[in-house]
Amino acid sequence: MAHRHLIIITLILSFCCSGCAVIGLGGNRPQVRITAVKIIPSRGIAPEFDINVRVINPAASPVRLRGVSYTMTIENHEIITGAGNNLPLVEPYSQVDFTIHFKADMAATLQLLADIAGDEQQQFDYNIDINLDTGRWSRNIHAAKQGVVTLRALTR
């Protein structure tokens, strides 16, 4: 009896795994990398950023990027949250580079600057998280980057 249950469970798991491969959840998954983070000159108090992103498709079928969502924190202050959908198609066995441009939230930036005003340190930790949506049947592709930004760069 226990042997029969083991066979049934094995068959069910086999069908589930093969089903995932058929609908694109297995195999060579696309990869995303944050290749550069740049603070660019701003006209106001809130800094502006460019994030360079590379998507690599190691599979035989194209990857349609349906949307992107992203957040950036500096010293645990979420200064940027955004989304977009004007993204390129990634052909089979290729890679695509694109840039996300955004401006920090004014209120969050002011709160960050108020919190670090009396701080003597000149460098601050940042975190960027990016999620790319590749469609209903596929998992999102995620990338994260941590680094350090200087007070001078933030207040240019």
Protein backbone atom coordinates (compact mmCIF):
# COMPACT_ATOMS: atom_id res chain seq x y z
CA MET A 1 0.00 0.00 0.00
CA ALA A 2 2.76 2.49 0.95
CA HIS A 3 4.63 1.51 -2.23
CA ARG A 4 1.57 2.37 -4.33
CA HIS A 5 1.31 5.82 -2.68
CA LEU A 6 4.99 6.46 -3.35
CA ILE A 7 4.51 5.64 -7.05
CA ILE A 8 1.47 7.94 -7.30
CA ILE A 9 3.31 10.80 -5.59
CA THR A 10 6.32 10.32 -7.88
CA LEU A 11 4.09 10.42 -10.98
CA ILE A 12 2.32 13.58 -9.80
CA LEU A 13 5.64 15.33 -9.11
CA SER A 14 6.97 14.24 -12.52
CA PHE A 15 3.94 15.73 -14.27
CA CYS A 16 4.27 18.96 -12.29
CA CYS A 17 7.95 19.35 -13.13
CA SER A 18 7.45 18.58 -16.82
CA GLY A 19 4.50 20.98 -16.90
CA CYS A 20 6.69 23.78 -15.55
CA ALA A 21 9.27 23.13 -18.27
CA VAL A 22 6.59 23.29 -20.97
CA ILE A 23 5.21 26.66 -19.81
CA GLY A 24 8.65 28.23 -19.40
CA LEU A 25 9.31 27.94 -15.68
CA GLY A 26 12.29 25.64 -16.05
CA GLY A 27 15.37 25.63 -18.24
CA ASN A 28 17.58 28.57 -19.04
CA ARG A 29 16.03 31.55 -17.30
CA PRO A 30 16.79 35.10 -18.35
CA GLN A 31 19.15 37.02 -16.10
CA VAL A 32 19.14 40.70 -15.22
CA ARG A 33 22.06 42.76 -13.95
CA ILE A 34 22.38 46.34 -12.82
CA THR A 35 25.53 47.41 -14.64
CA ALA A 36 25.79 51.03 -13.47
CA VAL A 37 24.16 53.55 -11.17
CA LYS A 38 24.77 57.20 -11.98
CA ILE A 39 23.70 60.34 -10.18
CA ILE A 40 23.04 62.95 -12.83
CA PRO A 41 22.78 66.73 -12.48
CA SER A 42 19.41 67.80 -11.10
CA ARG A 43 17.49 71.06 -11.40
CA GLY A 44 16.00 70.76 -7.92
CA ILE A 45 16.81 69.42 -4.48
CA ALA A 46 15.77 65.84 -5.30
CA PRO A 47 18.58 63.88 -6.99
CA GLU A 48 18.10 62.20 -10.36
CA PHE A 49 19.51 58.81 -11.27
CA ASP A 50 20.18 56.63 -14.29
CA ILE A 51 20.33 52.90 -13.74
CA ASN A 52 21.83 50.86 -16.57
CA VAL A 53 20.29 47.39 -16.82
CA ARG A 54 21.38 44.37 -18.87
CA VAL A 55 19.04 41.47 -19.61
CA ILE A 56 20.62 38.26 -20.87
CA ASN A 57 18.52 35.63 -22.65
CA PRO A 58 20.29 32.23 -22.76
CA ALA A 59 17.23 30.46 -24.24
CA ALA A 60 15.98 29.63 -27.76
CA SER A 61 12.83 31.76 -27.45
CA PRO A 62 12.54 35.55 -27.14
CA VAL A 63 11.85 37.23 -23.80
CA ARG A 64 9.12 39.84 -23.85
CA LEU A 65 9.68 42.27 -21.01
CA ARG A 66 6.19 43.42 -20.05
CA GLY A 67 7.08 45.75 -17.21
CA VAL A 68 9.60 46.81 -14.61
CA SER A 69 9.21 47.91 -11.02
CA TYR A 70 12.00 49.33 -8.93
CA THR A 71 12.84 50.82 -5.55
CA MET A 72 15.87 52.62 -4.20
CA THR A 73 16.67 53.19 -0.56
CA ILE A 74 19.41 55.31 0.96
CA GLU A 75 20.11 54.67 4.64
CA ASN A 76 16.78 52.81 4.86
CA HIS A 77 14.81 55.75 3.39
CA GLU A 78 12.81 54.67 0.33
CA ILE A 79 13.47 57.65 -1.90
CA ILE A 80 12.39 56.08 -5.20
CA THR A 81 9.58 53.76 -6.15
CA GLY A 82 8.51 53.40 -9.74
CA ALA A 83 7.37 51.29 -12.63
CA GLY A 84 7.51 51.32 -16.40
CA ASN A 85 6.50 49.32 -19.44
CA ASN A 86 8.46 50.71 -22.39
CA LEU A 87 10.96 47.85 -22.51
CA PRO A 88 12.82 46.09 -25.34
CA LEU A 89 12.34 42.57 -26.66
CA VAL A 90 15.30 40.27 -25.86
CA GLU A 91 15.94 38.01 -28.83
CA PRO A 92 17.05 34.37 -28.33
CA TYR A 93 20.67 33.93 -27.25
CA SER A 94 21.28 37.65 -26.92
CA GLN A 95 21.39 40.49 -24.45
CA VAL A 96 19.86 43.95 -24.29
CA ASP A 97 21.00 47.02 -22.38
CA PHE A 98 18.63 49.81 -21.40
CA THR A 99 18.52 52.71 -18.95
CA ILE A 100 15.93 53.59 -16.33
CA HIS A 101 15.90 57.31 -15.55
CA PHE A 102 14.12 58.62 -12.48
CA LYS A 103 13.95 61.44 -10.01
CA ALA A 104 13.84 60.85 -6.27
CA ASP A 105 10.68 61.62 -4.31
CA MET A 106 10.98 65.17 -2.94
CA ALA A 107 9.45 64.49 0.49
CA ALA A 108 11.54 61.34 1.01
CA THR A 109 14.70 63.18 -0.06
CA LEU A 110 14.02 66.05 2.35
CA GLN A 111 13.44 63.56 5.17
CA LEU A 112 16.69 61.78 4.32
CA LEU A 113 18.63 65.04 4.27
CA ALA A 114 17.09 66.11 7.59
CA ASP A 115 18.02 62.77 9.16
CA ILE A 116 21.64 62.91 7.99
CA ALA A 117 22.15 66.68 8.49
CA GLY A 118 23.95 66.29 11.83
CA ASP A 119 25.73 63.10 10.80
CA GLU A 120 29.47 63.44 10.34
CA GLN A 121 29.77 60.50 7.97
CA GLN A 122 30.14 61.43 4.32
CA GLN A 123 29.13 58.11 2.74
CA PHE A 124 25.76 56.40 2.88
CA ASP A 125 24.55 52.93 1.92
CA TYR A 126 22.07 52.50 -0.91
CA ASN A 127 20.06 49.52 -2.17
CA ILE A 128 18.35 49.16 -5.52
CA ASP A 129 15.85 46.41 -6.33
CA ILE A 130 14.53 45.78 -9.83
CA ASN A 131 11.83 43.28 -10.86
CA LEU A 132 11.16 42.56 -14.53
CA ASP A 133 7.84 40.99 -15.49
CA THR A 134 8.20 38.52 -18.37
CA GLY A 135 4.59 37.40 -18.55
CA ARG A 136 1.80 35.59 -16.80
CA TRP A 137 3.35 32.11 -16.85
CA SER A 138 6.90 33.07 -15.98
CA ARG A 139 8.42 34.22 -12.73
CA ASN A 140 9.73 37.75 -12.48
CA ILE A 141 13.44 38.33 -12.96
CA HIS A 142 15.03 40.10 -10.00
CA ALA A 143 18.22 42.11 -9.61
CA ALA A 144 19.61 43.98 -6.63
CA LYS A 145 22.60 46.22 -6.12
CA GLN A 146 24.10 47.66 -2.97
CA GLY A 147 26.65 50.40 -2.79
CA VAL A 148 27.77 53.65 -1.24
CA VAL A 149 26.87 57.20 -2.25
CA THR A 150 28.52 60.37 -0.96
CA LEU A 151 26.72 63.30 0.61
CA ARG A 152 28.29 65.59 -1.98
CA ALA A 153 26.86 63.54 -4.85
CA LEU A 154 23.39 63.61 -3.28
CA THR A 155 23.33 67.36 -2.81
CA ARG A 156 24.77 68.54 -6.14
